[in-house]
N, C-alpha and C. Protein backbone atom coordinates (compact mmCIF):
# COMPACT_ATOMS: atom_id res chain seq x y z
N MET A 1 18.80 -42.73 33.47
CA MET A 1 18.78 -41.60 32.57
C MET A 1 20.00 -41.56 31.66
N GLY A 2 21.04 -42.14 32.14
CA GLY A 2 22.34 -42.10 31.37
C GLY A 2 22.17 -42.69 29.99
N LEU A 3 21.44 -43.84 29.83
CA LEU A 3 21.27 -44.43 28.58
C LEU A 3 20.52 -43.50 27.63
N PHE A 4 19.54 -42.80 28.07
CA PHE A 4 18.80 -41.88 27.27
C PHE A 4 19.61 -40.64 26.86
N ASP A 5 20.50 -40.17 27.81
CA ASP A 5 21.27 -39.05 27.53
C ASP A 5 22.32 -39.43 26.46
N ASP A 6 22.87 -40.67 26.58
CA ASP A 6 23.86 -41.21 25.67
C ASP A 6 23.19 -41.30 24.31
N LEU A 7 22.06 -41.85 24.27
CA LEU A 7 21.31 -42.03 22.96
C LEU A 7 21.00 -40.71 22.39
N SER A 8 20.50 -39.74 23.22
CA SER A 8 20.30 -38.41 22.69
C SER A 8 21.43 -37.72 22.14
N ARG A 9 22.64 -37.81 22.91
CA ARG A 9 23.87 -37.25 22.38
C ARG A 9 24.34 -37.89 21.06
N PHE A 10 24.14 -39.24 20.98
CA PHE A 10 24.54 -39.95 19.77
C PHE A 10 23.68 -39.46 18.55
N LEU A 11 22.41 -39.41 18.82
CA LEU A 11 21.50 -38.89 17.74
C LEU A 11 21.84 -37.50 17.28
N GLU A 12 22.13 -36.55 18.32
CA GLU A 12 22.50 -35.27 17.97
C GLU A 12 23.72 -35.17 17.20
N ASN A 13 24.73 -35.94 17.52
CA ASN A 13 25.96 -36.01 16.87
C ASN A 13 25.83 -36.53 15.44
N ARG A 14 24.96 -37.57 15.24
CA ARG A 14 24.75 -38.08 13.88
C ARG A 14 23.97 -37.07 13.04
N LEU A 15 22.98 -36.39 13.63
CA LEU A 15 22.30 -35.28 12.92
C LEU A 15 23.23 -34.27 12.50
N GLU A 16 24.13 -33.74 13.41
CA GLU A 16 25.09 -32.68 13.07
C GLU A 16 26.04 -33.21 11.98
N GLU A 17 26.45 -34.43 12.00
CA GLU A 17 27.38 -35.00 11.00
C GLU A 17 26.63 -35.05 9.60
N PHE A 18 25.39 -35.48 9.71
CA PHE A 18 24.56 -35.55 8.50
C PHE A 18 24.40 -34.21 7.82
N LEU A 19 24.12 -33.20 8.76
CA LEU A 19 23.91 -31.89 8.19
C LEU A 19 25.18 -31.29 7.61
N ARG A 20 26.35 -31.58 8.27
CA ARG A 20 27.61 -31.14 7.69
C ARG A 20 27.85 -31.76 6.36
N ASN A 21 27.50 -32.99 6.18
CA ASN A 21 27.76 -33.67 4.88
C ASN A 21 26.68 -33.29 3.94
N ASN A 22 25.60 -32.67 4.33
CA ASN A 22 24.60 -32.18 3.40
C ASN A 22 24.21 -30.77 3.78
N PRO A 23 25.02 -29.81 3.38
CA PRO A 23 24.85 -28.48 3.72
C PRO A 23 23.60 -27.78 3.24
N HIS A 24 23.04 -28.31 2.11
CA HIS A 24 21.80 -27.81 1.51
C HIS A 24 20.67 -28.03 2.58
N LEU A 25 20.71 -29.21 3.30
CA LEU A 25 19.67 -29.54 4.28
C LEU A 25 19.85 -28.68 5.51
N GLU A 26 21.08 -28.29 5.75
CA GLU A 26 21.26 -27.41 6.95
C GLU A 26 20.70 -26.03 6.67
N LEU A 27 20.83 -25.57 5.39
CA LEU A 27 20.27 -24.24 4.97
C LEU A 27 18.75 -24.34 4.98
N GLU A 28 18.20 -25.51 4.55
CA GLU A 28 16.72 -25.69 4.63
C GLU A 28 16.24 -25.68 6.12
N ALA A 29 17.00 -26.32 7.03
CA ALA A 29 16.61 -26.24 8.38
C ALA A 29 16.65 -24.84 8.95
N LEU A 30 17.68 -24.15 8.55
CA LEU A 30 17.83 -22.71 9.01
C LEU A 30 16.67 -21.84 8.50
N LEU A 31 16.39 -22.08 7.25
CA LEU A 31 15.31 -21.35 6.62
C LEU A 31 13.91 -21.70 7.38
N GLU A 32 13.74 -22.89 7.72
CA GLU A 32 12.52 -23.21 8.43
C GLU A 32 12.44 -22.59 9.77
N GLN A 33 13.61 -22.52 10.42
CA GLN A 33 13.76 -21.91 11.79
C GLN A 33 13.42 -20.44 11.62
N LEU A 34 13.99 -19.76 10.65
CA LEU A 34 13.74 -18.32 10.40
C LEU A 34 12.29 -18.03 10.05
N ARG A 35 11.64 -18.94 9.33
CA ARG A 35 10.21 -18.77 9.03
C ARG A 35 9.38 -18.84 10.31
N GLU A 36 9.77 -19.83 11.22
CA GLU A 36 9.08 -19.89 12.38
C GLU A 36 9.21 -18.66 13.32
N GLN A 37 10.40 -18.14 13.33
CA GLN A 37 10.77 -16.92 14.10
C GLN A 37 9.96 -15.76 13.54
N GLU A 38 9.94 -15.64 12.23
CA GLU A 38 9.15 -14.60 11.63
C GLU A 38 7.67 -14.70 11.99
N GLU A 39 7.12 -15.87 11.91
CA GLU A 39 5.76 -16.10 12.28
C GLU A 39 5.45 -15.71 13.75
N ASP A 40 6.31 -16.15 14.59
CA ASP A 40 6.17 -15.88 16.07
C ASP A 40 6.27 -14.37 16.24
N THR A 41 7.18 -13.68 15.55
CA THR A 41 7.30 -12.25 15.75
C THR A 41 6.10 -11.47 15.26
N LEU A 42 5.57 -11.96 14.14
CA LEU A 42 4.35 -11.37 13.64
C LEU A 42 3.16 -11.53 14.64
N LYS A 43 3.06 -12.69 15.16
CA LYS A 43 2.06 -12.88 16.24
C LYS A 43 2.19 -11.97 17.34
N LEU A 44 3.49 -11.80 17.81
CA LEU A 44 3.82 -10.94 18.99
C LEU A 44 3.39 -9.55 18.67
N ILE A 45 3.75 -9.07 17.46
CA ILE A 45 3.41 -7.65 17.06
C ILE A 45 1.85 -7.50 17.04
N ALA A 46 1.15 -8.45 16.59
CA ALA A 46 -0.27 -8.36 16.56
C ALA A 46 -0.84 -8.34 17.97
N ASP A 47 -0.32 -9.11 18.81
CA ASP A 47 -0.74 -9.11 20.23
C ASP A 47 -0.44 -7.87 20.88
N LEU A 48 0.80 -7.29 20.62
CA LEU A 48 1.16 -6.01 21.29
C LEU A 48 0.20 -4.84 20.79
N ARG A 49 -0.05 -4.91 19.45
CA ARG A 49 -0.95 -3.84 18.96
C ARG A 49 -2.33 -3.95 19.59
N LEU A 50 -2.74 -5.17 19.79
CA LEU A 50 -4.09 -5.40 20.40
C LEU A 50 -4.02 -4.78 21.82
N GLN A 51 -3.03 -5.11 22.55
CA GLN A 51 -2.81 -4.56 23.95
C GLN A 51 -2.73 -3.00 23.86
N GLU A 52 -2.05 -2.49 22.91
CA GLU A 52 -1.91 -1.04 22.77
C GLU A 52 -3.24 -0.40 22.53
N LYS A 53 -4.08 -1.01 21.68
CA LYS A 53 -5.41 -0.48 21.47
C LYS A 53 -6.27 -0.54 22.72
N ARG A 54 -6.22 -1.64 23.44
CA ARG A 54 -6.93 -1.71 24.75
C ARG A 54 -6.43 -0.63 25.66
N SER A 55 -5.12 -0.45 25.67
CA SER A 55 -4.53 0.50 26.63
C SER A 55 -5.00 1.92 26.24
N GLN A 56 -5.07 2.25 24.89
CA GLN A 56 -5.56 3.55 24.50
C GLN A 56 -7.02 3.75 24.96
N GLU A 57 -7.88 2.75 24.83
CA GLU A 57 -9.21 2.81 25.17
C GLU A 57 -9.33 3.06 26.71
N GLU A 58 -8.51 2.31 27.48
CA GLU A 58 -8.53 2.55 28.92
C GLU A 58 -8.10 3.95 29.33
N ILE A 59 -7.08 4.49 28.60
CA ILE A 59 -6.70 5.82 28.81
C ILE A 59 -7.78 6.82 28.51
N LEU A 60 -8.44 6.63 27.50
CA LEU A 60 -9.63 7.51 27.00
C LEU A 60 -10.70 7.46 28.14
N SER A 61 -11.02 6.27 28.55
CA SER A 61 -12.01 6.10 29.61
C SER A 61 -11.65 6.80 30.82
N THR A 62 -10.35 6.66 31.22
CA THR A 62 -9.82 7.26 32.47
C THR A 62 -9.92 8.82 32.27
N ALA A 63 -9.62 9.28 31.11
CA ALA A 63 -9.58 10.74 30.85
C ALA A 63 -11.05 11.25 31.02
N GLN A 64 -12.02 10.48 30.52
CA GLN A 64 -13.47 10.89 30.64
C GLN A 64 -13.83 10.96 32.08
N GLU A 65 -13.38 9.95 32.89
CA GLU A 65 -13.71 9.80 34.37
C GLU A 65 -13.05 11.02 35.07
N ILE A 66 -11.79 11.41 34.66
CA ILE A 66 -11.11 12.60 35.26
C ILE A 66 -11.91 13.91 34.98
N GLN A 67 -12.34 14.00 33.70
CA GLN A 67 -13.11 15.17 33.36
C GLN A 67 -14.43 15.25 34.14
N ARG A 68 -15.11 14.07 34.33
CA ARG A 68 -16.34 13.99 35.09
C ARG A 68 -16.09 14.46 36.55
N TRP A 69 -15.03 13.98 37.14
CA TRP A 69 -14.79 14.34 38.54
C TRP A 69 -14.32 15.75 38.71
N HIS A 70 -13.69 16.31 37.74
CA HIS A 70 -13.26 17.65 37.69
C HIS A 70 -14.47 18.60 37.73
N ILE A 71 -15.45 18.23 36.86
CA ILE A 71 -16.67 19.01 36.85
C ILE A 71 -17.39 18.88 38.20
N ARG A 72 -17.34 17.79 38.83
CA ARG A 72 -18.03 17.59 40.13
C ARG A 72 -17.32 18.36 41.25
N VAL A 73 -15.97 18.45 41.19
CA VAL A 73 -15.23 19.35 42.13
C VAL A 73 -15.66 20.73 41.99
N GLN A 74 -15.72 21.27 40.73
CA GLN A 74 -16.12 22.64 40.51
C GLN A 74 -17.57 22.89 40.99
N LYS A 75 -18.45 21.90 40.67
CA LYS A 75 -19.90 21.97 41.14
C LYS A 75 -19.98 22.03 42.66
N ALA A 76 -19.23 21.12 43.34
CA ALA A 76 -19.28 21.15 44.76
C ALA A 76 -18.72 22.43 45.41
N LYS A 77 -17.66 22.96 44.78
CA LYS A 77 -17.11 24.24 45.25
C LYS A 77 -18.06 25.35 45.15
N ASN A 78 -18.71 25.49 43.92
CA ASN A 78 -19.71 26.47 43.69
C ASN A 78 -20.91 26.37 44.62
N ALA A 79 -21.28 25.16 45.03
CA ALA A 79 -22.38 24.93 45.95
C ALA A 79 -22.01 25.20 47.40
N GLY A 80 -20.68 25.37 47.67
CA GLY A 80 -20.15 25.54 48.99
C GLY A 80 -20.02 24.27 49.75
N ARG A 81 -19.97 23.16 48.99
CA ARG A 81 -19.80 21.84 49.75
C ARG A 81 -18.30 21.40 49.64
N GLU A 82 -17.55 21.99 50.56
CA GLU A 82 -16.15 21.70 50.57
C GLU A 82 -15.77 20.28 50.88
N ASP A 83 -16.67 19.67 51.72
CA ASP A 83 -16.42 18.15 52.04
C ASP A 83 -16.52 17.35 50.78
N LEU A 84 -17.54 17.67 49.92
CA LEU A 84 -17.70 16.86 48.62
C LEU A 84 -16.54 17.31 47.67
N ALA A 85 -16.26 18.62 47.62
CA ALA A 85 -15.21 19.09 46.71
C ALA A 85 -13.86 18.44 47.08
N THR A 86 -13.56 18.33 48.32
CA THR A 86 -12.24 17.69 48.71
C THR A 86 -12.27 16.19 48.30
N ALA A 87 -13.40 15.43 48.64
CA ALA A 87 -13.44 14.01 48.27
C ALA A 87 -13.41 13.84 46.74
N ALA A 88 -14.04 14.70 45.98
CA ALA A 88 -14.00 14.62 44.52
C ALA A 88 -12.64 15.01 44.00
N GLY A 89 -11.97 15.94 44.67
CA GLY A 89 -10.62 16.26 44.25
C GLY A 89 -9.65 15.10 44.49
N GLU A 90 -9.89 14.40 45.57
CA GLU A 90 -9.00 13.18 45.82
C GLU A 90 -9.26 12.14 44.79
N ARG A 91 -10.50 11.97 44.35
CA ARG A 91 -10.88 11.01 43.37
C ARG A 91 -10.24 11.34 42.07
N GLU A 92 -10.29 12.69 41.74
CA GLU A 92 -9.67 13.12 40.52
C GLU A 92 -8.16 12.96 40.49
N ALA A 93 -7.57 13.16 41.60
CA ALA A 93 -6.15 12.99 41.71
C ALA A 93 -5.72 11.53 41.57
N ALA A 94 -6.59 10.69 42.16
CA ALA A 94 -6.28 9.17 42.02
C ALA A 94 -6.40 8.73 40.55
N LEU A 95 -7.45 9.29 39.91
CA LEU A 95 -7.62 8.98 38.49
C LEU A 95 -6.54 9.53 37.61
N LEU A 96 -5.95 10.66 37.95
CA LEU A 96 -4.86 11.27 37.25
C LEU A 96 -3.61 10.31 37.36
N ARG A 97 -3.39 9.81 38.66
CA ARG A 97 -2.21 8.84 38.83
C ARG A 97 -2.41 7.56 37.99
N GLU A 98 -3.67 7.11 38.07
CA GLU A 98 -3.91 5.89 37.25
C GLU A 98 -3.73 6.17 35.81
N GLY A 99 -4.15 7.35 35.35
CA GLY A 99 -4.01 7.65 33.87
C GLY A 99 -2.62 7.66 33.49
N ASN A 100 -1.76 8.27 34.37
CA ASN A 100 -0.26 8.38 34.13
C ASN A 100 0.27 6.98 34.08
N GLN A 101 -0.16 6.12 34.99
CA GLN A 101 0.39 4.71 34.90
C GLN A 101 0.00 4.03 33.65
N ARG A 102 -1.25 4.26 33.23
CA ARG A 102 -1.65 3.55 32.00
C ARG A 102 -0.95 4.09 30.70
N TRP A 103 -0.68 5.50 30.81
CA TRP A 103 0.06 6.11 29.75
C TRP A 103 1.49 5.52 29.62
N GLY A 104 2.07 5.33 30.77
CA GLY A 104 3.52 4.77 30.82
C GLY A 104 3.42 3.33 30.30
N HIS A 105 2.37 2.57 30.72
CA HIS A 105 2.27 1.18 30.19
C HIS A 105 2.06 1.22 28.63
N MET A 106 1.26 2.09 28.11
CA MET A 106 1.07 2.21 26.67
C MET A 106 2.36 2.61 25.99
N GLN A 107 3.19 3.51 26.57
CA GLN A 107 4.46 3.92 25.94
C GLN A 107 5.40 2.69 25.93
N GLY A 108 5.32 1.85 26.97
CA GLY A 108 6.09 0.62 27.01
C GLY A 108 5.79 -0.34 25.88
N LEU A 109 4.43 -0.47 25.74
CA LEU A 109 3.93 -1.26 24.63
C LEU A 109 4.39 -0.79 23.26
N LYS A 110 4.35 0.50 23.07
CA LYS A 110 4.88 1.13 21.76
C LYS A 110 6.30 0.82 21.59
N GLU A 111 7.10 0.90 22.66
CA GLU A 111 8.57 0.61 22.51
C GLU A 111 8.70 -0.93 22.15
N ARG A 112 7.97 -1.83 22.81
CA ARG A 112 8.06 -3.17 22.53
C ARG A 112 7.66 -3.50 21.03
N ILE A 113 6.64 -2.76 20.65
CA ILE A 113 6.21 -2.98 19.13
C ILE A 113 7.40 -2.51 18.23
N ASN A 114 7.96 -1.44 18.51
CA ASN A 114 9.10 -0.94 17.69
C ASN A 114 10.24 -2.01 17.71
N GLN A 115 10.60 -2.45 18.90
CA GLN A 115 11.62 -3.55 18.97
C GLN A 115 11.24 -4.69 18.27
N SER A 116 10.04 -5.16 18.25
CA SER A 116 9.57 -6.30 17.63
C SER A 116 9.55 -6.14 16.07
N GLN A 117 9.25 -4.88 15.67
CA GLN A 117 9.32 -4.61 14.22
C GLN A 117 10.75 -4.65 13.71
N GLU A 118 11.64 -4.13 14.54
CA GLU A 118 13.06 -4.16 14.16
C GLU A 118 13.59 -5.60 14.10
N LEU A 119 13.18 -6.41 15.05
CA LEU A 119 13.59 -7.83 14.99
C LEU A 119 13.03 -8.48 13.84
N LEU A 120 11.78 -8.21 13.48
CA LEU A 120 11.15 -8.83 12.27
C LEU A 120 12.01 -8.43 11.04
N ARG A 121 12.41 -7.16 10.93
CA ARG A 121 13.15 -6.75 9.73
C ARG A 121 14.47 -7.49 9.74
N LYS A 122 15.08 -7.73 10.82
CA LYS A 122 16.40 -8.46 10.90
C LYS A 122 16.13 -9.94 10.46
N ILE A 123 15.09 -10.49 10.99
CA ILE A 123 14.77 -11.84 10.62
C ILE A 123 14.48 -12.04 9.16
N GLN A 124 13.77 -11.06 8.59
CA GLN A 124 13.46 -11.15 7.18
C GLN A 124 14.65 -10.94 6.33
N GLN A 125 15.51 -10.13 6.76
CA GLN A 125 16.79 -9.88 6.06
C GLN A 125 17.63 -11.16 6.11
N ARG A 126 17.74 -11.74 7.33
CA ARG A 126 18.54 -12.98 7.44
C ARG A 126 17.99 -14.05 6.50
N ARG A 127 16.63 -14.13 6.50
CA ARG A 127 16.00 -15.21 5.68
C ARG A 127 16.42 -14.99 4.25
N GLN A 128 16.37 -13.70 3.74
CA GLN A 128 16.70 -13.39 2.33
C GLN A 128 18.19 -13.86 2.02
N GLU A 129 19.10 -13.57 3.03
CA GLU A 129 20.42 -14.01 2.86
C GLU A 129 20.56 -15.58 2.80
N VAL A 130 19.88 -16.21 3.67
CA VAL A 130 19.94 -17.67 3.64
C VAL A 130 19.30 -18.21 2.43
N GLN A 131 18.19 -17.64 1.92
CA GLN A 131 17.53 -18.06 0.68
C GLN A 131 18.57 -17.91 -0.50
N ALA A 132 19.23 -16.78 -0.51
CA ALA A 132 20.26 -16.60 -1.54
C ALA A 132 21.26 -17.61 -1.50
N LYS A 133 21.84 -17.90 -0.26
CA LYS A 133 22.84 -19.05 -0.11
C LYS A 133 22.32 -20.36 -0.60
N ALA A 134 21.00 -20.67 -0.20
CA ALA A 134 20.44 -21.90 -0.55
C ALA A 134 20.27 -21.98 -2.11
N ALA A 135 19.93 -20.82 -2.76
CA ALA A 135 19.91 -20.83 -4.21
C ALA A 135 21.15 -21.06 -4.86
N GLU A 136 22.22 -20.41 -4.27
CA GLU A 136 23.61 -20.70 -4.79
C GLU A 136 24.06 -22.10 -4.66
N ALA A 137 23.69 -22.70 -3.47
CA ALA A 137 24.05 -24.16 -3.21
C ALA A 137 23.30 -25.00 -4.22
N GLN A 138 21.97 -24.69 -4.52
CA GLN A 138 21.16 -25.53 -5.44
C GLN A 138 21.82 -25.36 -6.82
N THR A 139 22.24 -24.17 -7.20
CA THR A 139 22.85 -24.01 -8.51
C THR A 139 24.17 -24.79 -8.65
N ALA A 140 24.92 -24.74 -7.53
CA ALA A 140 26.21 -25.54 -7.53
C ALA A 140 25.95 -26.98 -7.65
N ARG A 141 24.92 -27.47 -6.84
CA ARG A 141 24.50 -28.91 -6.94
C ARG A 141 24.07 -29.31 -8.31
N ASP A 142 23.21 -28.46 -8.85
CA ASP A 142 22.69 -28.71 -10.23
C ASP A 142 23.86 -28.78 -11.26
N LYS A 143 24.81 -27.86 -11.08
CA LYS A 143 25.91 -27.86 -12.04
C LYS A 143 26.77 -29.09 -11.86
N ALA A 144 26.94 -29.58 -10.62
CA ALA A 144 27.73 -30.70 -10.38
C ALA A 144 27.07 -31.96 -10.88
N GLN A 145 25.66 -32.00 -10.74
CA GLN A 145 25.00 -33.19 -11.26
C GLN A 145 25.04 -33.12 -12.78
N THR A 146 24.88 -31.93 -13.45
CA THR A 146 24.96 -31.92 -14.83
C THR A 146 26.30 -32.38 -15.34
N GLN A 147 27.40 -31.88 -14.65
CA GLN A 147 28.70 -32.28 -15.01
C GLN A 147 28.83 -33.79 -14.85
N GLN A 148 28.30 -34.28 -13.78
CA GLN A 148 28.52 -35.71 -13.49
C GLN A 148 27.75 -36.56 -14.56
N ARG A 149 26.54 -36.16 -14.91
CA ARG A 149 25.78 -36.77 -16.03
C ARG A 149 26.52 -36.73 -17.35
N PHE A 150 27.17 -35.53 -17.63
CA PHE A 150 27.86 -35.41 -18.89
C PHE A 150 29.04 -36.40 -18.91
N GLU A 151 29.73 -36.38 -17.71
CA GLU A 151 30.90 -37.35 -17.72
C GLU A 151 30.41 -38.82 -17.78
N THR A 152 29.27 -39.12 -17.14
CA THR A 152 28.83 -40.50 -17.16
C THR A 152 28.34 -40.86 -18.48
N SER A 153 27.59 -39.91 -19.14
CA SER A 153 27.07 -40.19 -20.51
C SER A 153 28.26 -40.27 -21.57
N GLY A 154 29.34 -39.41 -21.27
CA GLY A 154 30.49 -39.56 -22.19
C GLY A 154 31.10 -40.90 -22.02
N TRP A 155 31.25 -41.39 -20.85
CA TRP A 155 31.80 -42.75 -20.56
C TRP A 155 30.91 -43.81 -21.22
N SER A 156 29.63 -43.70 -21.09
CA SER A 156 28.72 -44.71 -21.63
C SER A 156 28.79 -44.62 -23.12
N ASN A 157 28.88 -43.46 -23.76
CA ASN A 157 29.03 -43.39 -25.19
C ASN A 157 30.28 -44.12 -25.60
N LYS A 158 31.30 -43.91 -24.89
CA LYS A 158 32.58 -44.54 -25.30
C LYS A 158 32.55 -46.11 -25.18
N THR A 159 31.78 -46.57 -24.25
CA THR A 159 31.72 -48.04 -24.04
C THR A 159 30.60 -48.61 -24.84
N SER A 160 29.72 -47.87 -25.37
CA SER A 160 28.57 -48.41 -26.09
C SER A 160 29.06 -48.96 -27.46
N ASN A 161 30.30 -48.82 -27.87
CA ASN A 161 30.74 -49.37 -29.07
C ASN A 161 30.88 -50.85 -29.01
N TYR A 162 30.95 -51.34 -27.81
CA TYR A 162 30.98 -52.83 -27.65
C TYR A 162 29.76 -53.51 -28.20
N SER A 163 29.94 -54.74 -28.53
CA SER A 163 28.67 -55.50 -29.05
C SER A 163 27.71 -55.62 -27.94
N SER A 164 26.49 -55.96 -28.37
CA SER A 164 25.39 -56.08 -27.40
C SER A 164 25.58 -57.29 -26.52
N GLY A 165 26.43 -58.25 -26.85
CA GLY A 165 26.80 -59.36 -25.99
C GLY A 165 27.37 -58.87 -24.73
N PHE A 166 28.30 -57.84 -24.90
CA PHE A 166 28.94 -57.33 -23.72
C PHE A 166 27.90 -56.58 -22.78
N ASP A 167 26.96 -55.90 -23.42
CA ASP A 167 25.83 -55.16 -22.74
C ASP A 167 25.06 -56.32 -21.94
N ASP A 168 24.76 -57.31 -22.52
CA ASP A 168 24.02 -58.44 -21.79
C ASP A 168 24.83 -58.90 -20.64
N LEU A 169 26.14 -58.99 -20.83
CA LEU A 169 27.05 -59.48 -19.78
C LEU A 169 27.05 -58.53 -18.64
N GLU A 170 27.12 -57.21 -18.97
CA GLU A 170 27.06 -56.22 -17.96
C GLU A 170 25.86 -56.23 -17.14
N GLU A 171 24.68 -56.40 -17.86
CA GLU A 171 23.36 -56.57 -17.22
C GLU A 171 23.33 -57.69 -16.24
N LYS A 172 23.90 -58.89 -16.72
CA LYS A 172 23.95 -60.08 -15.88
C LYS A 172 24.74 -59.93 -14.65
N PHE A 173 25.90 -59.17 -14.74
CA PHE A 173 26.78 -58.93 -13.58
C PHE A 173 26.14 -57.97 -12.72
N ARG A 174 25.45 -56.92 -13.10
CA ARG A 174 24.78 -55.98 -12.26
C ARG A 174 23.71 -56.75 -11.50
N SER A 175 22.91 -57.56 -12.17
CA SER A 175 21.87 -58.25 -11.46
C SER A 175 22.45 -59.16 -10.38
N TRP A 176 23.43 -59.94 -10.79
CA TRP A 176 24.15 -60.86 -9.81
C TRP A 176 24.69 -60.06 -8.65
N GLU A 177 25.39 -58.98 -8.88
CA GLU A 177 25.96 -58.17 -7.83
C GLU A 177 24.94 -57.58 -6.90
N THR A 178 23.88 -57.14 -7.46
CA THR A 178 22.72 -56.57 -6.67
C THR A 178 22.13 -57.66 -5.72
N GLN A 179 21.92 -58.84 -6.29
CA GLN A 179 21.42 -59.90 -5.61
C GLN A 179 22.40 -60.35 -4.48
N ASP A 180 23.68 -60.37 -4.79
CA ASP A 180 24.64 -60.73 -3.75
C ASP A 180 24.68 -59.67 -2.61
N GLU A 181 24.52 -58.43 -2.99
CA GLU A 181 24.56 -57.32 -1.88
C GLU A 181 23.30 -57.46 -1.07
N LEU A 182 22.11 -57.83 -1.68
CA LEU A 182 20.86 -58.03 -0.88
C LEU A 182 21.10 -59.16 0.14
N GLU A 183 21.68 -60.35 -0.37
CA GLU A 183 21.94 -61.50 0.50
C GLU A 183 22.82 -61.09 1.60
N GLN A 184 23.85 -60.29 1.26
CA GLN A 184 24.75 -59.96 2.32
C GLN A 184 24.11 -59.07 3.40
N MET A 185 23.22 -58.16 2.98
CA MET A 185 22.51 -57.29 3.90
C MET A 185 21.58 -58.13 4.81
N LYS A 186 20.93 -59.19 4.21
CA LYS A 186 20.08 -60.04 4.95
C LYS A 186 20.84 -60.81 6.00
N ARG A 187 22.04 -61.20 5.67
CA ARG A 187 22.84 -61.94 6.62
C ARG A 187 23.28 -61.06 7.76
N ASN A 188 23.65 -59.84 7.42
CA ASN A 188 24.09 -58.84 8.44
C ASN A 188 22.95 -58.44 9.39
N LEU A 189 21.75 -58.37 8.77
CA LEU A 189 20.56 -58.04 9.61
C LEU A 189 20.29 -59.22 10.60
N GLY A 190 20.46 -60.37 10.10
CA GLY A 190 20.16 -61.62 10.89
C GLY A 190 21.06 -61.80 12.04
N LYS A 191 22.16 -61.20 12.05
CA LYS A 191 23.08 -61.32 13.16
C LYS A 191 22.76 -60.63 14.44
């Protein structure tokens, strides 16, 4: 396992170094992570709302059962059947306890929905902040590239006064240097 751990650590370090050298990619990775968190939170909220709806339906069903058994208690008392009235009263009490538990569960779901919605707001706010930083970084990169192109084109305009013979010589040297670099890379890979 040591080799895999070493390789994993090496790759993580290289990735961190690469991201430090390319901060715009780090912002993109962060944006992707925030998008995933936002999506997960939206799914969680939808799931919690579905659970809340089921819980409300269960509470309503339990309330109807309580009402039915309450009527039976009264009916049994009116008929002088204390044995049935007592048993029906116990059933009604058990249903009341069950209803209270379901109510507490639903309140817990509502609290979790509120917490998830607050988390979603924070994620969305953070994503907007990162998007703004990414836009600033892109603007800075574009500006730097424009400046570099301007400087490069200024340099090429100054050197373009040479005769076309020199341009041909420049082209020959570039071709030769490129070929030489390729040969060097092939030799290095062959080692």
